[in-house]
PDB file of N, CA and C in Angstrom:
ATOM      1  N   UNK A   1      86.998  94.341  80.020  1.00  0.00           N
ATOM      2  CA  UNK A   1      86.788  92.883  80.521  1.00  0.00           C
ATOM      3  C   UNK A   1      87.671  93.051  81.478  1.00  0.00           C
ATOM      4  N   UNK A   2      87.473  92.129  82.499  1.00  0.00           N
ATOM      5  CA  UNK A   2      88.775  92.185  83.834  1.00  0.00           C
ATOM      6  C   UNK A   2      89.801  91.162  83.262  1.00  0.00           C
ATOM      7  N   UNK A   3      90.882  91.149  83.826  1.00  0.00           N
ATOM      8  CA  UNK A   3      92.408  90.506  84.321  1.00  0.00           C
ATOM      9  C   UNK A   3      92.792  90.224  85.434  1.00  0.00           C
ATOM     10  N   UNK A   4      93.269  89.066  85.162  1.00  0.00           N
ATOM     11  CA  UNK A   4      93.517  88.735  86.692  1.00  0.00           C
ATOM     12  C   UNK A   4      95.335  88.796  86.314  1.00  0.00           C
ATOM     13  N   UNK A   5      95.898  90.028  87.196  1.00  0.00           N
ATOM     14  CA  UNK A   5      97.233  90.481  87.297  1.00  0.00           C
ATOM     15  C   UNK A   5      98.207  90.022  88.112  1.00  0.00           C
ATOM     16  N   UNK A   6      97.204  89.686  89.336  1.00  0.00           N
ATOM     17  CA  UNK A   6      98.020  89.017  90.378  1.00  0.00           C
ATOM     18  C   UNK A   6      97.968  87.883  91.665  1.00  0.00           C
ATOM     19  N   UNK A   7      98.793  87.362  91.859  1.00  0.00           N
ATOM     20  CA  UNK A   7      98.596  85.937  93.000  1.00  0.00           C
ATOM     21  C   UNK A   7      99.478  87.011  94.464  1.00  0.00           C
ATOM     22  N   UNK A   8      98.951  86.262  95.354  1.00  0.00           N
ATOM     23  CA  UNK A   8      99.537  86.484  96.696  1.00  0.00           C
ATOM     24  C   UNK A   8      99.925  85.128  97.134  1.00  0.00           C
ATOM     25  N   UNK A   9     100.795  85.110  97.386  1.00  0.00           N
ATOM     26  CA  UNK A   9     101.342  83.407  98.154  1.00  0.00           C
ATOM     27  C   UNK A   9     101.663  83.957  99.487  1.00  0.00           C
ATOM     28  N   UNK A  10     101.434  83.114 100.514  1.00  0.00           N
ATOM     29  CA  UNK A  10     101.940  82.913 102.314  1.00  0.00           C
ATOM     30  C   UNK A  10     102.709  82.020 102.165  1.00  0.00           C
ATOM     31  N   UNK A  11     104.412  82.304 102.451  1.00  0.00           N
ATOM     32  CA  UNK A  11     104.690  81.601 102.546  1.00  0.00           C
ATOM     33  C   UNK A  11     105.761  81.475 104.111  1.00  0.00           C
ATOM     34  N   UNK A  12     106.374  80.268 104.625  1.00  0.00           N
ATOM     35  CA  UNK A  12     107.258  80.866 105.898  1.00  0.00           C
ATOM     36  C   UNK A  12     108.646  81.135 105.885  1.00  0.00           C
ATOM     37  N   UNK A  13     108.811  81.057 104.159  1.00  0.00           N
ATOM     38  CA  UNK A  13     110.330  81.104 104.247  1.00  0.00           C
ATOM     39  C   UNK A  13     110.234  81.960 102.643  1.00  0.00           C
ATOM     40  N   UNK A  14     110.103  83.389 102.437  1.00  0.00           N
ATOM     41  CA  UNK A  14     109.581  84.327 101.616  1.00  0.00           C
ATOM     42  C   UNK A  14     111.115  84.255 100.577  1.00  0.00           C
ATOM     43  N   UNK A  15     111.946  84.635 101.008  1.00  0.00           N
ATOM     44  CA  UNK A  15     113.395  84.382 100.149  1.00  0.00           C
ATOM     45  C   UNK A  15     113.771  83.277  99.709  1.00  0.00           C
ATOM     46  N   UNK A  16     112.876  82.425 100.116  1.00  0.00           N
ATOM     47  CA  UNK A  16     113.082  80.520  99.379  1.00  0.00           C
ATOM     48  C   UNK A  16     112.269  81.081  98.002  1.00  0.00           C
ATOM     49  N   UNK A  17     110.929  81.301  98.047  1.00  0.00           N
ATOM     50  CA  UNK A  17     110.203  81.050  97.339  1.00  0.00           C
ATOM     51  C   UNK A  17     110.379  82.759  96.154  1.00  0.00           C
ATOM     52  N   UNK A  18     111.171  83.832  96.719  1.00  0.00           N
ATOM     53  CA  UNK A  18     111.857  84.450  95.609  1.00  0.00           C
ATOM     54  C   UNK A  18     112.445  83.953  94.697  1.00  0.00           C
ATOM     55  N   UNK A  19     113.587  83.416  95.669  1.00  0.00           N
ATOM     56  CA  UNK A  19     114.670  82.677  94.895  1.00  0.00           C
ATOM     57  C   UNK A  19     114.248  81.695  93.752  1.00  0.00           C
ATOM     58  N   UNK A  20     113.089  80.746  94.321  1.00  0.00           N
ATOM     59  CA  UNK A  20     112.491  79.957  93.095  1.00  0.00           C
ATOM     60  C   UNK A  20     111.931  80.331  92.105  1.00  0.00           C
ATOM     61  N   UNK A  21     110.620  81.205  92.232  1.00  0.00           N
ATOM     62  CA  UNK A  21     110.632  82.088  91.024  1.00  0.00           C
ATOM     63  C   UNK A  21     111.101  82.493  90.174  1.00  0.00           C
ATOM     64  N   UNK A  22     112.401  83.775  90.942  1.00  0.00           N
ATOM     65  CA  UNK A  22     113.599  84.591  90.167  1.00  0.00           C
ATOM     66  C   UNK A  22     114.087  83.291  89.151  1.00  0.00           C
ATOM     67  N   UNK A  23     114.740  82.614  89.794  1.00  0.00           N
ATOM     68  CA  UNK A  23     115.910  81.569  89.035  1.00  0.00           C
ATOM     69  C   UNK A  23     115.031  80.661  88.333  1.00  0.00           C
ATOM     70  N   UNK A  24     113.736  80.113  88.590  1.00  0.00           N
ATOM     71  CA  UNK A  24     113.143  78.828  87.660  1.00  0.00           C
ATOM     72  C   UNK A  24     112.525  79.502  86.857  1.00  0.00           C
ATOM     73  N   UNK A  25     111.447  80.760  86.727  1.00  0.00           N
ATOM     74  CA  UNK A  25     111.032  81.139  86.078  1.00  0.00           C
ATOM     75  C   UNK A  25     111.829  82.784  84.891  1.00  0.00           C
ATOM     76  N   UNK A  26     112.277  83.021  85.851  1.00  0.00           N
ATOM     77  CA  UNK A  26     113.106  84.152  85.140  1.00  0.00           C
ATOM     78  C   UNK A  26     112.246  85.700  85.820  1.00  0.00           C
ATOM     79  N   UNK A  27     111.564  85.557  87.071  1.00  0.00           N
ATOM     80  CA  UNK A  27     110.862  86.546  86.938  1.00  0.00           C
ATOM     81  C   UNK A  27     111.900  87.515  88.038  1.00  0.00           C
ATOM     82  N   UNK A  28     111.393  88.902  87.987  1.00  0.00           N
ATOM     83  CA  UNK A  28     112.030  90.171  88.590  1.00  0.00           C
ATOM     84  C   UNK A  28     111.501  90.777  89.481  1.00  0.00           C
ATOM     85  N   UNK A  29     112.471  91.364  90.459  1.00  0.00           N
ATOM     86  CA  UNK A  29     111.677  91.660  91.806  1.00  0.00           C
ATOM     87  C   UNK A  29     111.286  93.095  91.112  1.00  0.00           C
ATOM     88  N   UNK A  30     110.134  93.586  91.540  1.00  0.00           N
ATOM     89  CA  UNK A  30     109.713  94.908  91.257  1.00  0.00           C
ATOM     90  C   UNK A  30     109.538  95.735  92.589  1.00  0.00           C
ATOM     91  N   UNK A  31     109.327  97.209  92.330  1.00  0.00           N
ATOM     92  CA  UNK A  31     109.090  98.092  93.467  1.00  0.00           C
ATOM     93  C   UNK A  31     107.440  97.802  93.700  1.00  0.00           C
ATOM     94  N   UNK A  32     107.094  97.625  94.982  1.00  0.00           N
ATOM     95  CA  UNK A  32     105.495  97.456  95.632  1.00  0.00           C
ATOM     96  C   UNK A  32     105.669  98.060  97.048  1.00  0.00           C
ATOM     97  N   UNK A  33     104.409  98.040  97.343  1.00  0.00           N
ATOM     98  CA  UNK A  33     103.909  98.748  98.199  1.00  0.00           C
ATOM     99  C   UNK A  33     103.505  97.566  98.891  1.00  0.00           C
ATOM    100  N   UNK A  34     103.836  97.853 100.599  1.00  0.00           N
ATOM    101  CA  UNK A  34     103.026  97.004 102.027  1.00  0.00           C
ATOM    102  C   UNK A  34     104.442  95.986 102.139  1.00  0.00           C
ATOM    103  N   UNK A  35     104.047  94.803 102.740  1.00  0.00           N
ATOM    104  CA  UNK A  35     105.446  93.627 103.363  1.00  0.00           C
ATOM    105  C   UNK A  35     105.544  93.501 102.507  1.00  0.00           C
ATOM    106  N   UNK A  36     104.778  92.778 101.384  1.00  0.00           N
ATOM    107  CA  UNK A  36     105.330  91.564 100.018  1.00  0.00           C
ATOM    108  C   UNK A  36     106.975  91.454  99.454  1.00  0.00           C
ATOM    109  N   UNK A  37     107.386  90.514  99.136  1.00  0.00           N
ATOM    110  CA  UNK A  37     108.163  90.845  98.308  1.00  0.00           C
ATOM    111  C   UNK A  37     107.375  90.578  96.734  1.00  0.00           C
ATOM    112  N   UNK A  38     107.449  91.716  95.928  1.00  0.00           N
ATOM    113  CA  UNK A  38     106.613  91.529  94.440  1.00  0.00           C
ATOM    114  C   UNK A  38     107.701  91.088  93.217  1.00  0.00           C
ATOM    115  N   UNK A  39     107.172  89.902  92.602  1.00  0.00           N
ATOM    116  CA  UNK A  39     108.477  89.814  91.551  1.00  0.00           C
ATOM    117  C   UNK A  39     106.877  89.819  90.420  1.00  0.00           C
ATOM    118  N   UNK A  40     107.524  90.231  89.071  1.00  0.00           N
ATOM    119  CA  UNK A  40     106.415  89.966  87.795  1.00  0.00           C
ATOM    120  C   UNK A  40     107.155  89.214  86.616  1.00  0.00           C
ATOM    121  N   UNK A  41     106.547  89.033  85.878  1.00  0.00           N
ATOM    122  CA  UNK A  41     107.136  88.416  84.338  1.00  0.00           C
ATOM    123  C   UNK A  41     107.029  89.287  83.416  1.00  0.00           C
ATOM    124  N   UNK A  42     106.509  90.604  83.636  1.00  0.00           N
ATOM    125  CA  UNK A  42     105.882  91.394  82.406  1.00  0.00           C
ATOM    126  C   UNK A  42     104.598  91.705  82.109  1.00  0.00           C
ATOM    127  N   UNK A  43     103.861  90.580  82.952  1.00  0.00           N
ATOM    128  CA  UNK A  43     102.278  90.556  82.740  1.00  0.00           C
ATOM    129  C   UNK A  43     101.483  90.494  84.279  1.00  0.00           C
ATOM    130  N   UNK A  44     102.022  88.590  85.017  1.00  0.00           N
ATOM    131  CA  UNK A  44     101.610  88.563  85.862  1.00  0.00           C
ATOM    132  C   UNK A  44     102.702  88.868  87.174  1.00  0.00           C
ATOM    133  N   UNK A  45     101.602  89.421  88.559  1.00  0.00           N
ATOM    134  CA  UNK A  45     102.521  89.608  89.381  1.00  0.00           C
ATOM    135  C   UNK A  45     102.488  88.705  90.500  1.00  0.00           C
ATOM    136  N   UNK A  46     103.334  88.510  91.581  1.00  0.00           N
ATOM    137  CA  UNK A  46     103.141  87.657  92.806  1.00  0.00           C
ATOM    138  C   UNK A  46     103.541  88.333  93.415  1.00  0.00           C
ATOM    139  N   UNK A  47     103.103  88.187  94.940  1.00  0.00           N
ATOM    140  CA  UNK A  47     103.070  88.852  95.897  1.00  0.00           C
ATOM    141  C   UNK A  47     104.029  87.927  96.805  1.00  0.00           C
ATOM    142  N   UNK A  48     104.803  87.702  96.919  1.00  0.00           N
ATOM    143  CA  UNK A  48     105.435  86.610  98.061  1.00  0.00           C
ATOM    144  C   UNK A  48     105.413  87.336  99.576  1.00  0.00           C
ATOM    145  N   UNK A  49     104.251  86.781 100.478  1.00  0.00           N
ATOM    146  CA  UNK A  49     103.979  87.310 101.836  1.00  0.00           C
ATOM    147  C   UNK A  49     105.107  86.705 102.695  1.00  0.00           C
ATOM    148  N   UNK A  50     105.588  86.846 103.796  1.00  0.00           N
ATOM    149  CA  UNK A  50     106.228  86.263 104.905  1.00  0.00           C
ATOM    150  C   UNK A  50     105.127  85.890 105.696  1.00  0.00           C
ATOM    151  N   UNK A  51     104.604  84.378 106.080  1.00  0.00           N
ATOM    152  CA  UNK A  51     103.864  83.864 107.137  1.00  0.00           C
ATOM    153  C   UNK A  51     103.886  84.942 108.537  1.00  0.00           C
ATOM    154  N   UNK A  52     102.923  85.026 108.780  1.00  0.00           N
ATOM    155  CA  UNK A  52     102.579  85.692 110.140  1.00  0.00           C
ATOM    156  C   UNK A  52     101.369  85.688 110.840  1.00  0.00           C
ATOM    157  N   UNK A  53     101.181  85.880 112.125  1.00  0.00           N
ATOM    158  CA  UNK A  53      99.466  85.606 112.760  1.00  0.00           C
ATOM    159  C   UNK A  53      98.903  84.200 112.220  1.00  0.00           C
ATOM    160  N   UNK A  54      98.046  84.558 112.012  1.00  0.00           N
ATOM    161  CA  UNK A  54      96.537  83.444 111.738  1.00  0.00           C
ATOM    162  C   UNK A  54      96.769  83.449 110.161  1.00  0.00           C
ATOM    163  N   UNK A  55      97.711  83.612 109.398  1.00  0.00           N
ATOM    164  CA  UNK A  55      97.874  83.938 107.912  1.00  0.00           C
ATOM    165  C   UNK A  55      97.650  82.340 108.033  1.00  0.00           C
ATOM    166  N   UNK A  56      97.538  81.824 106.598  1.00  0.00           N
ATOM    167  CA  UNK A  56      97.788  80.252 106.392  1.00  0.00           C
ATOM    168  C   UNK A  56      98.364  79.800 104.891  1.00  0.00           C
ATOM    169  N   UNK A  57      99.723  79.122 105.128  1.00  0.00           N
ATOM    170  CA  UNK A  57     100.503  79.087 103.589  1.00  0.00           C
ATOM    171  C   UNK A  57      99.499  78.973 102.567  1.00  0.00           C
ATOM    172  N   UNK A  58     100.413  78.923 101.634  1.00  0.00           N
ATOM    173  CA  UNK A  58      99.408  78.866 100.067  1.00  0.00           C
ATOM    174  C   UNK A  58      98.878  80.293  99.476  1.00  0.00           C
ATOM    175  N   UNK A  59      97.699  79.713  98.945  1.00  0.00           N
ATOM    176  CA  UNK A  59      97.479  81.097  97.979  1.00  0.00           C
ATOM    177  C   UNK A  59      96.997  81.575  99.099  1.00  0.00           C
ATOM    178  N   UNK A  60      96.917  82.517  98.957  1.00  0.00           N
ATOM    179  CA  UNK A  60      95.915  83.589  99.574  1.00  0.00           C
ATOM    180  C   UNK A  60      95.008  84.817  99.640  1.00  0.00           C
ATOM    181  N   UNK A  61      95.348  85.168  97.921  1.00  0.00           N
ATOM    182  CA  UNK A  61      94.245  85.850  97.691  1.00  0.00           C
ATOM    183  C   UNK A  61      94.659  85.850  96.422  1.00  0.00           C
ATOM    184  N   UNK A  62      93.875  86.687  95.716  1.00  0.00           N
ATOM    185  CA  UNK A  62      94.873  87.102  93.626  1.00  0.00           C
ATOM    186  C   UNK A  62      93.319  88.052  93.689  1.00  0.00           C
ATOM    187  N   UNK A  63      94.139  88.811  92.524  1.00  0.00           N
ATOM    188  CA  UNK A  63      93.606  90.331  92.141  1.00  0.00           C
ATOM    189  C   UNK A  63      93.209  90.001  90.492  1.00  0.00           C
ATOM    190  N   UNK A  64      92.202  91.007  90.168  1.00  0.00           N
ATOM    191  CA  UNK A  64      91.992  91.767  88.977  1.00  0.00           C
ATOM    192  C   UNK A  64      91.929  92.865  88.824  1.00  0.00           C
ATOM    193  N   UNK A  65      92.557  93.133  87.800  1.00  0.00           N
ATOM    194  CA  UNK A  65      92.097  94.782  86.741  1.00  0.00           C
ATOM    195  C   UNK A  65      90.871  94.937  86.159  1.00  0.00           C
ATOM    196  N   UNK A  66      90.212  96.308  86.998  1.00  0.00           N
ATOM    197  CA  UNK A  66      88.935  95.888  86.197  1.00  0.00           C
ATOM    198  C   UNK A  66      88.658  97.351  85.626  1.00  0.00           C
ATOM    199  N   UNK A  67      88.032  97.599  84.950  1.00  0.00           N
ATOM    200  CA  UNK A  67      87.421  98.827  84.157  1.00  0.00           C
ATOM    201  C   UNK A  67      86.989 100.075  85.286  1.00  0.00           C
ATOM    202  N   UNK A  68      85.736  99.381  85.606  1.00  0.00           N
ATOM    203  CA  UNK A  68      84.696 100.261  86.972  1.00  0.00           C
ATOM    204  C   UNK A  68      84.072  99.707  87.989  1.00  0.00           C
ATOM    205  N   UNK A  69      84.807  99.463  89.319  1.00  0.00           N
ATOM    206  CA  UNK A  69      84.750  99.340  90.467  1.00  0.00           C
ATOM    207  C   UNK A  69      82.929  99.222  90.843  1.00  0.00           C
ATOM    208  N   UNK A  70      82.155 100.841  90.693  1.00  0.00           N
ATOM    209  CA  UNK A  70      80.841 100.967  90.559  1.00  0.00           C
ATOM    210  C   UNK A  70      80.059  99.681  90.126  1.00  0.00           C
ATOM    211  N   UNK A  71      80.467  99.777  88.741  1.00  0.00           N
ATOM    212  CA  UNK A  71      79.737  98.545  88.156  1.00  0.00           C
ATOM    213  C   UNK A  71      79.570  97.194  88.728  1.00  0.00           C
ATOM    214  N   UNK A  72      80.444  96.758  89.239  1.00  0.00           N
ATOM    215  CA  UNK A  72      80.721  95.254  89.915  1.00  0.00           C
ATOM    216  C   UNK A  72      79.973  95.749  91.403  1.00  0.00           C
ATOM    217  N   UNK A  73      79.967  96.500  92.194  1.00  0.00           N
ATOM    218  CA  UNK A  73      79.514  96.569  93.421  1.00  0.00           C
ATOM    219  C   UNK A  73      77.326  95.824  93.323  1.00  0.00           C
ATOM    220  N   UNK A  74      77.118  95.975  92.535  1.00  0.00           N
ATOM    221  CA  UNK A  74      75.592  95.647  92.557  1.00  0.00           C
ATOM    222  C   UNK A  74      75.525  94.123  91.910  1.00  0.00           C
ATOM    223  N   UNK A  75      77.087  93.779  90.799  1.00  0.00           N
ATOM    224  CA  UNK A  75      76.111  92.468  90.681  1.00  0.00           C
ATOM    225  C   UNK A  75      77.277  91.291  91.836  1.00  0.00           C
ATOM    226  N   UNK A  76      78.324  91.567  92.610  1.00  0.00           N
ATOM    227  CA  UNK A  76      78.964  91.037  93.443  1.00  0.00           C
ATOM    228  C   UNK A  76      77.679  90.958  94.557  1.00  0.00           C
ATOM    229  N   UNK A  77      77.229  91.966  94.671  1.00  0.00           N
ATOM    230  CA  UNK A  77      76.028  91.778  95.895  1.00  0.00           C
ATOM    231  C   UNK A  77      74.976  90.501  95.761  1.00  0.00           C
ATOM    232  N   UNK A  78      74.502  90.811  94.021  1.00  0.00           N
ATOM    233  CA  UNK A  78      73.778  89.626  93.432  1.00  0.00           C
ATOM    234  C   UNK A  78      74.036  88.705  93.719  1.00  0.00           C
ATOM    235  N   UNK A  79      75.404  87.827  93.419  1.00  0.00           N
ATOM    236  CA  UNK A  79      76.101  87.217  93.556  1.00  0.00           C
ATOM    237  C   UNK A  79      75.961  86.437  94.534  1.00  0.00           C
ATOM    238  N   UNK A  80      75.830  86.555  95.372  1.00  0.00           N
ATOM    239  CA  UNK A  80      76.386  86.141  97.062  1.00  0.00           C
ATOM    240  C   UNK A  80      77.880  86.811  97.620  1.00  0.00           C
ATOM    241  N   UNK A  81      78.217  87.498  97.285  1.00  0.00           N
ATOM    242  CA  UNK A  81      79.346  87.711  97.433  1.00  0.00           C
ATOM    243  C   UNK A  81      79.856  87.874  99.162  1.00  0.00           C
ATOM    244  N   UNK A  82      80.513  87.517  99.429  1.00  0.00           N
ATOM    245  CA  UNK A  82      80.320  87.123 101.251  1.00  0.00           C
ATOM    246  C   UNK A  82      80.760  88.673 101.907  1.00  0.00           C
ATOM    247  N   UNK A  83      81.448  89.499 101.095  1.00  0.00           N
ATOM    248  CA  UNK A  83      81.401  91.155 101.653  1.00  0.00           C
ATOM    249  C   UNK A  83      81.263  91.870 100.469  1.00  0.00           C
ATOM    250  N   UNK A  84      80.676  93.148 100.785  1.00  0.00           N
ATOM    251  CA  UNK A  84      80.996  93.967 100.318  1.00  0.00           C
ATOM    252  C   UNK A  84      82.212  94.402  98.914  1.00  0.00           C
ATOM    253  N   UNK A  85      82.000  95.530  98.439  1.00  0.00           N
ATOM    254  CA  UNK A  85      83.506  96.280  97.986  1.00  0.00           C
ATOM    255  C   UNK A  85      83.832  96.951  98.723  1.00  0.00           C
ATOM    256  N   UNK A  86      84.754  96.738  99.440  1.00  0.00           N
ATOM    257  CA  UNK A  86      85.790  98.132 100.421  1.00  0.00           C
ATOM    258  C   UNK A  86      87.040  98.613 100.058  1.00  0.00           C
ATOM    259  N   UNK A  87      86.939  99.748 100.161  1.00  0.00           N
ATOM    260  CA  UNK A  87      88.096 100.452 100.010  1.00  0.00           C
ATOM    261  C   UNK A  87      89.114  99.577 100.667  1.00  0.00           C
ATOM    262  N   UNK A  88      90.303  99.459 100.331  1.00  0.00           N
ATOM    263  CA  UNK A  88      91.706  99.240 100.697  1.00  0.00           C
ATOM    264  C   UNK A  88      92.054 100.763 101.413  1.00  0.00           C
ATOM    265  N   UNK A  89      93.417 100.533 102.429  1.00  0.00           N
ATOM    266  CA  UNK A  89      94.423 101.074 102.845  1.00  0.00           C
ATOM    267  C   UNK A  89      95.395 101.753 101.613  1.00  0.00           C
ATOM    268  N   UNK A  90      95.523 102.449 102.128  1.00  0.00           N
ATOM    269  CA  UNK A  90      96.919 103.378 100.682  1.00  0.00           C
ATOM    270  C   UNK A  90      97.795 102.765 100.750  1.00  0.00           C
ATOM    271  N   UNK A  91      98.113 102.102 101.699  1.00  0.00           N
ATOM    272  CA  UNK A  91      99.719 101.391 101.624  1.00  0.00           C
ATOM    273  C   UNK A  91      99.711 100.075 100.742  1.00  0.00           C
ATOM    274  N   UNK A  92      98.330  99.940 100.101  1.00  0.00           N
ATOM    275  CA  UNK A  92      98.357  98.420  99.244  1.00  0.00           C
ATOM    276  C   UNK A  92      98.172  99.122  97.654  1.00  0.00           C
ATOM    277  N   UNK A  93      98.730  97.866  96.936  1.00  0.00           N
ATOM    278  CA  UNK A  93      98.283  98.488  95.432  1.00  0.00           C
ATOM    279  C   UNK A  93      97.221  98.044  94.793  1.00  0.00           C
ATOM    280  N   UNK A  94      96.516  97.420  95.400  1.00  0.00           N
ATOM    281  CA  UNK A  94      94.698  96.891  95.215  1.00  0.00           C
ATOM    282  C   UNK A  94      94.016  98.576  95.748  1.00  0.00           C
ATOM    283  N   UNK A  95      93.394  99.278  94.905  1.00  0.00           N
ATOM    284  CA  UNK A  95      92.194  99.878  95.945  1.00  0.00           C
ATOM    285  C   UNK A  95      91.068  99.290  96.351  1.00  0.00           C
ATOM    286  N   UNK A  96      90.609  98.121  96.381  1.00  0.00           N
ATOM    287  CA  UNK A  96      89.438  97.404  96.784  1.00  0.00           C
ATOM    288  C   UNK A  96      89.858  96.320  96.759  1.00  0.00           C
ATOM    289  N   UNK A  97      88.674  95.602  98.055  1.00  0.00           N
ATOM    290  CA  UNK A  97      89.197  94.295  98.122  1.00  0.00           C
ATOM    291  C   UNK A  97      87.213  93.791  98.597  1.00  0.00           C
ATOM    292  N   UNK A  98      87.080  92.214  97.676  1.00  0.00           N
ATOM    293  CA  UNK A  98      85.658  91.854  97.706  1.00  0.00           C
ATOM    294  C   UNK A  98      85.997  90.680  98.279  1.00  0.00           C
ATOM    295  N   UNK A  99      85.230  89.794  98.410  1.00  0.00           N
ATOM    296  CA  UNK A  99      85.302  88.212  98.890  1.00  0.00           C
ATOM    297  C   UNK A  99      84.147  87.636  98.164  1.00  0.00           C
ATOM    298  N   UNK A 100      84.611  86.333  97.624  1.00  0.00           N
ATOM    299  CA  UNK A 100      83.535  85.468  96.820  1.00  0.00           C
ATOM    300  C   UNK A 100      82.686  84.820  97.316  1.00  0.00           C
ATOM    301  N   UNK A 101      81.840  84.020  97.220  1.00  0.00           N
ATOM    302  CA  UNK A 101      80.747  83.466  97.690  1.00  0.00           C
ATOM    303  C   UNK A 101      81.134  82.480  98.993  1.00  0.00           C
ATOM    304  N   UNK A 102      82.359  82.054  98.806  1.00  0.00           N
ATOM    305  CA  UNK A 102      83.304  81.363  99.495  1.00  0.00           C
ATOM    306  C   UNK A 102      84.298  81.958 100.786  1.00  0.00           C
ATOM    307  N   UNK A 103      84.621  82.824 100.573  1.00  0.00           N
ATOM    308  CA  UNK A 103      85.348  84.127 101.319  1.00  0.00           C
ATOM    309  C   UNK A 103      86.759  83.980 100.818  1.00  0.00           C
ATOM    310  N   UNK A 104      86.634  83.849  99.354  1.00  0.00           N
ATOM    311  CA  UNK A 104      88.291  84.041  99.101  1.00  0.00           C
ATOM    312  C   UNK A 104      88.592  85.425  99.179  1.00  0.00           C
ATOM    313  N   UNK A 105      89.373  86.147  99.397  1.00  0.00           N
ATOM    314  CA  UNK A 105      89.202  87.446  98.916  1.00  0.00           C
ATOM    315  C   UNK A 105      90.084  87.546  97.813  1.00  0.00           C
ATOM    316  N   UNK A 106      89.381  88.914  97.232  1.00  0.00           N
ATOM    317  CA  UNK A 106      89.865  89.279  95.396  1.00  0.00           C
ATOM    318  C   UNK A 106      90.473  90.961  95.794  1.00  0.00           C
ATOM    319  N   UNK A 107      91.375  91.165  95.146  1.00  0.00           N
ATOM    320  CA  UNK A 107      91.864  92.632  95.532  1.00  0.00           C
ATOM    321  C   UNK A 107      91.486  93.181  93.752  1.00  0.00           C
ATOM    322  N   UNK A 108      90.835  94.336  93.580  1.00  0.00           N
ATOM    323  CA  UNK A 108      90.131  95.242  92.930  1.00  0.00           C
ATOM    324  C   UNK A 108      90.742  95.955  92.239  1.00  0.00           C
ATOM    325  N   UNK A 109      91.550  96.293  91.628  1.00  0.00           N
ATOM    326  CA  UNK A 109      92.574  97.614  90.859  1.00  0.00           C
ATOM    327  C   UNK A 109      92.060  98.304  89.744  1.00  0.00           C
ATOM    328  N   UNK A 110      91.637  99.034  89.599  1.00  0.00           N
ATOM    329  CA  UNK A 110      91.507 100.448  88.268  1.00  0.00           C
ATOM    330  C   UNK A 110      92.403 100.595  87.580  1.00  0.00           C
ATOM    331  N   UNK A 111      94.069 100.759  88.694  1.00  0.00           N
ATOM    332  CA  UNK A 111      94.836 101.268  87.708  1.00  0.00           C
ATOM    333  C   UNK A 111      96.034 100.351  87.361  1.00  0.00           C
ATOM    334  N   UNK A 112      95.326  98.840  87.675  1.00  0.00           N
ATOM    335  CA  UNK A 112      96.812  98.178  87.363  1.00  0.00           C
ATOM    336  C   UNK A 112      98.141  98.141  88.435  1.00  0.00           C
ATOM    337  N   UNK A 113      98.651  96.915  88.240  1.00  0.00           N
ATOM    338  CA  UNK A 113     100.018  96.640  88.917  1.00  0.00           C
ATOM    339  C   UNK A 113     101.156  97.218  87.880  1.00  0.00           C
ATOM    340  N   UNK A 114     102.176  97.889  89.341  1.00  0.00           N
ATOM    341  CA  UNK A 114     103.884  97.850  87.736  1.00  0.00           C
ATOM    342  C   UNK A 114     103.973  96.558  87.141  1.00  0.00           C
ATOM    343  N   UNK A 115     104.011  96.557  86.259  1.00  0.00           N
ATOM    344  CA  UNK A 115     105.336  95.827  85.741  1.00  0.00           C
ATOM    345  C   UNK A 115     106.840  96.289  85.087  1.00  0.00           C
TER     346      UNK A 115
END
């Protein structure tokens, strides 16, 4: 069974959100790959991304930890995913990405995120 393991939030003030989540909810800053600041509660991770370019503020994408990417490929296609499952660059936590039928990006990882 797949589990949601991370959410990504785009903000115009990354440090403000990091301070909010660490102070209010006790989340910890963890090591990660890429331009975000990564937080964790020990299970769910938040990637706090500085707004740039045409990024819209708010929830940017979310990610599932899955057992088998290959098994998901035909399911996503048959159920109307807006994109095929694509390999992500090596400088990202998730190995793959697909877009749901509405175009929302979903990261897919077989190795999970650091906690």
